Amino acid sequence: MKETEINIQVAPEEDQLTIEEAFLQLEQLVARLEGGEASLEQSFVLYQQGMKLAQMCGQKIDRIEKQLIMVGESEETNGF
C-alpha cells in the first residue's frame, strides 16, 4: 500500500472554524479513514483530529443551544 500525506488540518482554536467548516473537515477525515489507504500511524492521527473536531462541534452546538434558550426566555419575559 502506498503512503499518502495527511492534508487535513485542524485549526488550533475552535473559534477559527465555523460549525459548517468543522463538519466538512470531519466528513473528510471519516472518508479518509473509511478509504483504508492510510497507514496505521496516519489513521491514528486522523482519528485524533476527528475526535478534536467532534468535541469542537459539540461545544459549538451546546453554545448555540444556550443562546437559543436565552433568547426564548427573553422573548417570554418581554411578552412576545
N, C-alpha and C. Protein backbone atom coordinates (compact mmCIF):
# COMPACT_ATOMS: atom_id res chain seq x y z
N MET A 1 0.84 -1.18 0.00
CA MET A 1 0.00 0.00 0.00
C MET A 1 0.88 1.25 0.00
N LYS A 2 0.52 2.22 -0.76
CA LYS A 2 1.30 3.45 -0.90
C LYS A 2 1.03 4.40 0.26
N GLU A 3 2.12 5.00 0.82
CA GLU A 3 1.98 6.00 1.88
C GLU A 3 1.42 7.29 1.28
N THR A 4 0.45 7.89 1.95
CA THR A 4 -0.11 9.16 1.49
C THR A 4 0.03 10.19 2.59
N GLU A 5 0.11 11.43 2.21
CA GLU A 5 0.22 12.51 3.18
C GLU A 5 -1.15 12.82 3.76
N ILE A 6 -1.13 13.32 4.98
CA ILE A 6 -2.35 13.75 5.63
C ILE A 6 -2.48 15.25 5.36
N ASN A 7 -3.48 15.62 4.57
CA ASN A 7 -3.63 17.01 4.14
C ASN A 7 -4.69 17.77 4.92
N ILE A 8 -5.36 17.13 5.83
CA ILE A 8 -6.44 17.77 6.56
C ILE A 8 -5.86 18.44 7.79
N GLN A 9 -6.13 19.73 7.94
CA GLN A 9 -5.61 20.50 9.06
C GLN A 9 -6.74 20.89 9.99
N VAL A 10 -6.51 20.75 11.27
CA VAL A 10 -7.48 21.17 12.27
C VAL A 10 -6.98 22.48 12.85
N ALA A 11 -7.85 23.49 12.87
CA ALA A 11 -7.47 24.79 13.42
C ALA A 11 -7.18 24.65 14.90
N PRO A 12 -6.14 25.32 15.38
CA PRO A 12 -5.82 25.19 16.81
C PRO A 12 -6.86 25.80 17.74
N GLU A 13 -7.56 26.81 17.29
CA GLU A 13 -8.59 27.45 18.11
C GLU A 13 -9.96 27.16 17.51
N GLU A 14 -10.89 26.73 18.35
CA GLU A 14 -12.20 26.35 17.84
C GLU A 14 -12.95 27.50 17.20
N ASP A 15 -12.70 28.73 17.64
CA ASP A 15 -13.42 29.86 17.08
C ASP A 15 -12.95 30.24 15.68
N GLN A 16 -11.89 29.60 15.21
CA GLN A 16 -11.40 29.89 13.86
C GLN A 16 -12.21 29.16 12.80
N LEU A 17 -12.95 28.15 13.18
CA LEU A 17 -13.76 27.39 12.23
C LEU A 17 -15.24 27.62 12.50
N THR A 18 -16.00 27.73 11.43
CA THR A 18 -17.45 27.71 11.60
C THR A 18 -17.86 26.26 11.84
N ILE A 19 -19.05 26.06 12.33
CA ILE A 19 -19.50 24.69 12.56
C ILE A 19 -19.60 23.93 11.24
N GLU A 20 -19.95 24.65 10.16
CA GLU A 20 -20.04 24.01 8.85
C GLU A 20 -18.66 23.55 8.38
N GLU A 21 -17.64 24.38 8.61
CA GLU A 21 -16.27 24.01 8.23
C GLU A 21 -15.79 22.82 9.06
N ALA A 22 -16.12 22.83 10.33
CA ALA A 22 -15.71 21.72 11.20
C ALA A 22 -16.36 20.42 10.77
N PHE A 23 -17.66 20.46 10.46
CA PHE A 23 -18.34 19.25 10.00
C PHE A 23 -17.78 18.78 8.66
N LEU A 24 -17.44 19.70 7.77
CA LEU A 24 -16.86 19.33 6.49
C LEU A 24 -15.52 18.64 6.69
N GLN A 25 -14.68 19.19 7.56
CA GLN A 25 -13.39 18.56 7.85
C GLN A 25 -13.59 17.19 8.49
N LEU A 26 -14.57 17.07 9.35
CA LEU A 26 -14.87 15.79 9.99
C LEU A 26 -15.30 14.76 8.94
N GLU A 27 -16.13 15.18 8.01
CA GLU A 27 -16.55 14.28 6.93
C GLU A 27 -15.36 13.82 6.10
N GLN A 28 -14.43 14.74 5.82
CA GLN A 28 -13.24 14.39 5.05
C GLN A 28 -12.37 13.39 5.81
N LEU A 29 -12.24 13.59 7.11
CA LEU A 29 -11.46 12.66 7.93
C LEU A 29 -12.08 11.26 7.91
N VAL A 30 -13.39 11.20 8.06
CA VAL A 30 -14.09 9.91 8.06
C VAL A 30 -13.90 9.22 6.71
N ALA A 31 -14.00 9.99 5.63
CA ALA A 31 -13.81 9.41 4.30
C ALA A 31 -12.41 8.83 4.15
N ARG A 32 -11.40 9.55 4.65
CA ARG A 32 -10.02 9.05 4.58
C ARG A 32 -9.87 7.77 5.39
N LEU A 33 -10.46 7.73 6.58
CA LEU A 33 -10.37 6.54 7.41
C LEU A 33 -11.10 5.36 6.77
N GLU A 34 -12.27 5.62 6.21
CA GLU A 34 -13.04 4.56 5.58
C GLU A 34 -12.40 4.08 4.29
N GLY A 35 -11.60 4.96 3.64
CA GLY A 35 -10.94 4.60 2.40
C GLY A 35 -9.90 3.50 2.57
N GLY A 36 -9.36 3.39 3.77
CA GLY A 36 -8.42 2.32 4.05
C GLY A 36 -7.03 2.48 3.46
N GLU A 37 -6.71 3.65 2.91
CA GLU A 37 -5.41 3.85 2.29
C GLU A 37 -4.36 4.39 3.26
N ALA A 38 -4.79 4.91 4.39
CA ALA A 38 -3.86 5.49 5.36
C ALA A 38 -3.18 4.38 6.15
N SER A 39 -1.93 4.62 6.51
CA SER A 39 -1.21 3.66 7.36
C SER A 39 -1.82 3.68 8.76
N LEU A 40 -1.38 2.77 9.59
CA LEU A 40 -1.88 2.71 10.95
C LEU A 40 -1.58 4.01 11.68
N GLU A 41 -0.36 4.52 11.51
CA GLU A 41 0.02 5.78 12.17
C GLU A 41 -0.82 6.94 11.66
N GLN A 42 -1.02 7.00 10.35
CA GLN A 42 -1.83 8.07 9.77
C GLN A 42 -3.28 7.96 10.24
N SER A 43 -3.78 6.75 10.33
CA SER A 43 -5.15 6.53 10.79
C SER A 43 -5.32 7.03 12.22
N PHE A 44 -4.30 6.78 13.05
CA PHE A 44 -4.36 7.25 14.43
C PHE A 44 -4.39 8.77 14.50
N VAL A 45 -3.57 9.44 13.69
CA VAL A 45 -3.56 10.91 13.64
C VAL A 45 -4.91 11.43 13.15
N LEU A 46 -5.45 10.80 12.11
CA LEU A 46 -6.76 11.20 11.60
C LEU A 46 -7.84 11.02 12.66
N TYR A 47 -7.76 9.92 13.39
CA TYR A 47 -8.73 9.65 14.46
C TYR A 47 -8.64 10.74 15.53
N GLN A 48 -7.43 11.09 15.94
CA GLN A 48 -7.25 12.13 16.96
C GLN A 48 -7.81 13.46 16.47
N GLN A 49 -7.53 13.81 15.22
CA GLN A 49 -8.05 15.06 14.67
C GLN A 49 -9.57 15.02 14.62
N GLY A 50 -10.12 13.87 14.24
CA GLY A 50 -11.57 13.73 14.20
C GLY A 50 -12.21 13.88 15.56
N MET A 51 -11.58 13.34 16.58
CA MET A 51 -12.11 13.48 17.93
C MET A 51 -12.09 14.95 18.37
N LYS A 52 -11.03 15.67 18.03
CA LYS A 52 -10.97 17.10 18.36
C LYS A 52 -12.07 17.87 17.65
N LEU A 53 -12.28 17.54 16.36
CA LEU A 53 -13.34 18.21 15.61
C LEU A 53 -14.72 17.89 16.18
N ALA A 54 -14.94 16.63 16.53
CA ALA A 54 -16.23 16.23 17.09
C ALA A 54 -16.49 16.96 18.40
N GLN A 55 -15.47 17.07 19.24
CA GLN A 55 -15.61 17.80 20.50
C GLN A 55 -15.90 19.27 20.24
N MET A 56 -15.21 19.84 19.26
CA MET A 56 -15.41 21.24 18.90
C MET A 56 -16.84 21.47 18.42
N CYS A 57 -17.34 20.56 17.60
CA CYS A 57 -18.71 20.69 17.09
C CYS A 57 -19.70 20.61 18.25
N GLY A 58 -19.48 19.68 19.16
CA GLY A 58 -20.36 19.54 20.32
C GLY A 58 -20.39 20.80 21.17
N GLN A 59 -19.22 21.41 21.37
CA GLN A 59 -19.15 22.64 22.16
C GLN A 59 -19.87 23.78 21.46
N LYS A 60 -19.70 23.87 20.15
CA LYS A 60 -20.38 24.93 19.40
C LYS A 60 -21.89 24.75 19.44
N ILE A 61 -22.34 23.51 19.30
CA ILE A 61 -23.78 23.23 19.35
C ILE A 61 -24.34 23.56 20.73
N ASP A 62 -23.61 23.17 21.78
CA ASP A 62 -24.05 23.49 23.15
C ASP A 62 -24.17 25.00 23.34
N ARG A 63 -23.19 25.74 22.85
CA ARG A 63 -23.20 27.20 23.00
C ARG A 63 -24.39 27.81 22.25
N ILE A 64 -24.68 27.31 21.08
CA ILE A 64 -25.81 27.82 20.29
C ILE A 64 -27.13 27.49 20.99
N GLU A 65 -27.25 26.27 21.53
CA GLU A 65 -28.46 25.89 22.24
C GLU A 65 -28.70 26.80 23.44
N LYS A 66 -27.66 27.11 24.19
CA LYS A 66 -27.79 28.01 25.33
C LYS A 66 -28.25 29.39 24.90
N GLN A 67 -27.70 29.86 23.78
CA GLN A 67 -28.10 31.17 23.27
C GLN A 67 -29.57 31.17 22.85
N LEU A 68 -30.01 30.08 22.22
CA LEU A 68 -31.42 29.97 21.82
C LEU A 68 -32.34 29.95 23.03
N ILE A 69 -31.93 29.24 24.08
CA ILE A 69 -32.73 29.20 25.31
C ILE A 69 -32.84 30.59 25.91
N MET A 70 -31.71 31.31 25.93
CA MET A 70 -31.71 32.66 26.49
C MET A 70 -32.61 33.59 25.68
N VAL A 71 -32.57 33.45 24.36
CA VAL A 71 -33.42 34.29 23.51
C VAL A 71 -34.89 33.95 23.76
N GLY A 72 -35.20 32.66 23.87
CA GLY A 72 -36.58 32.25 24.13
C GLY A 72 -37.08 32.76 25.47
N GLU A 73 -36.24 32.70 26.48
CA GLU A 73 -36.63 33.21 27.79
C GLU A 73 -36.80 34.71 27.77
N SER A 74 -35.96 35.38 27.02
CA SER A 74 -36.05 36.83 26.90
C SER A 74 -37.36 37.23 26.22
N GLU A 75 -37.73 36.48 25.18
CA GLU A 75 -38.98 36.78 24.47
C GLU A 75 -40.18 36.56 25.37
N GLU A 76 -40.11 35.52 26.23
CA GLU A 76 -41.23 35.24 27.13
C GLU A 76 -41.41 36.37 28.15
N THR A 77 -40.32 36.89 28.66
CA THR A 77 -40.42 37.95 29.66
C THR A 77 -40.79 39.29 29.03
N ASN A 78 -40.54 39.45 27.74
CA ASN A 78 -40.88 40.70 27.06
C ASN A 78 -42.25 40.64 26.41
N GLY A 79 -42.96 39.52 26.56
CA GLY A 79 -44.33 39.43 26.07
C GLY A 79 -44.45 39.12 24.60
N PHE A 80 -43.47 38.51 24.00
CA PHE A 80 -43.57 38.14 22.58
C PHE A 80 -44.23 36.83 22.41
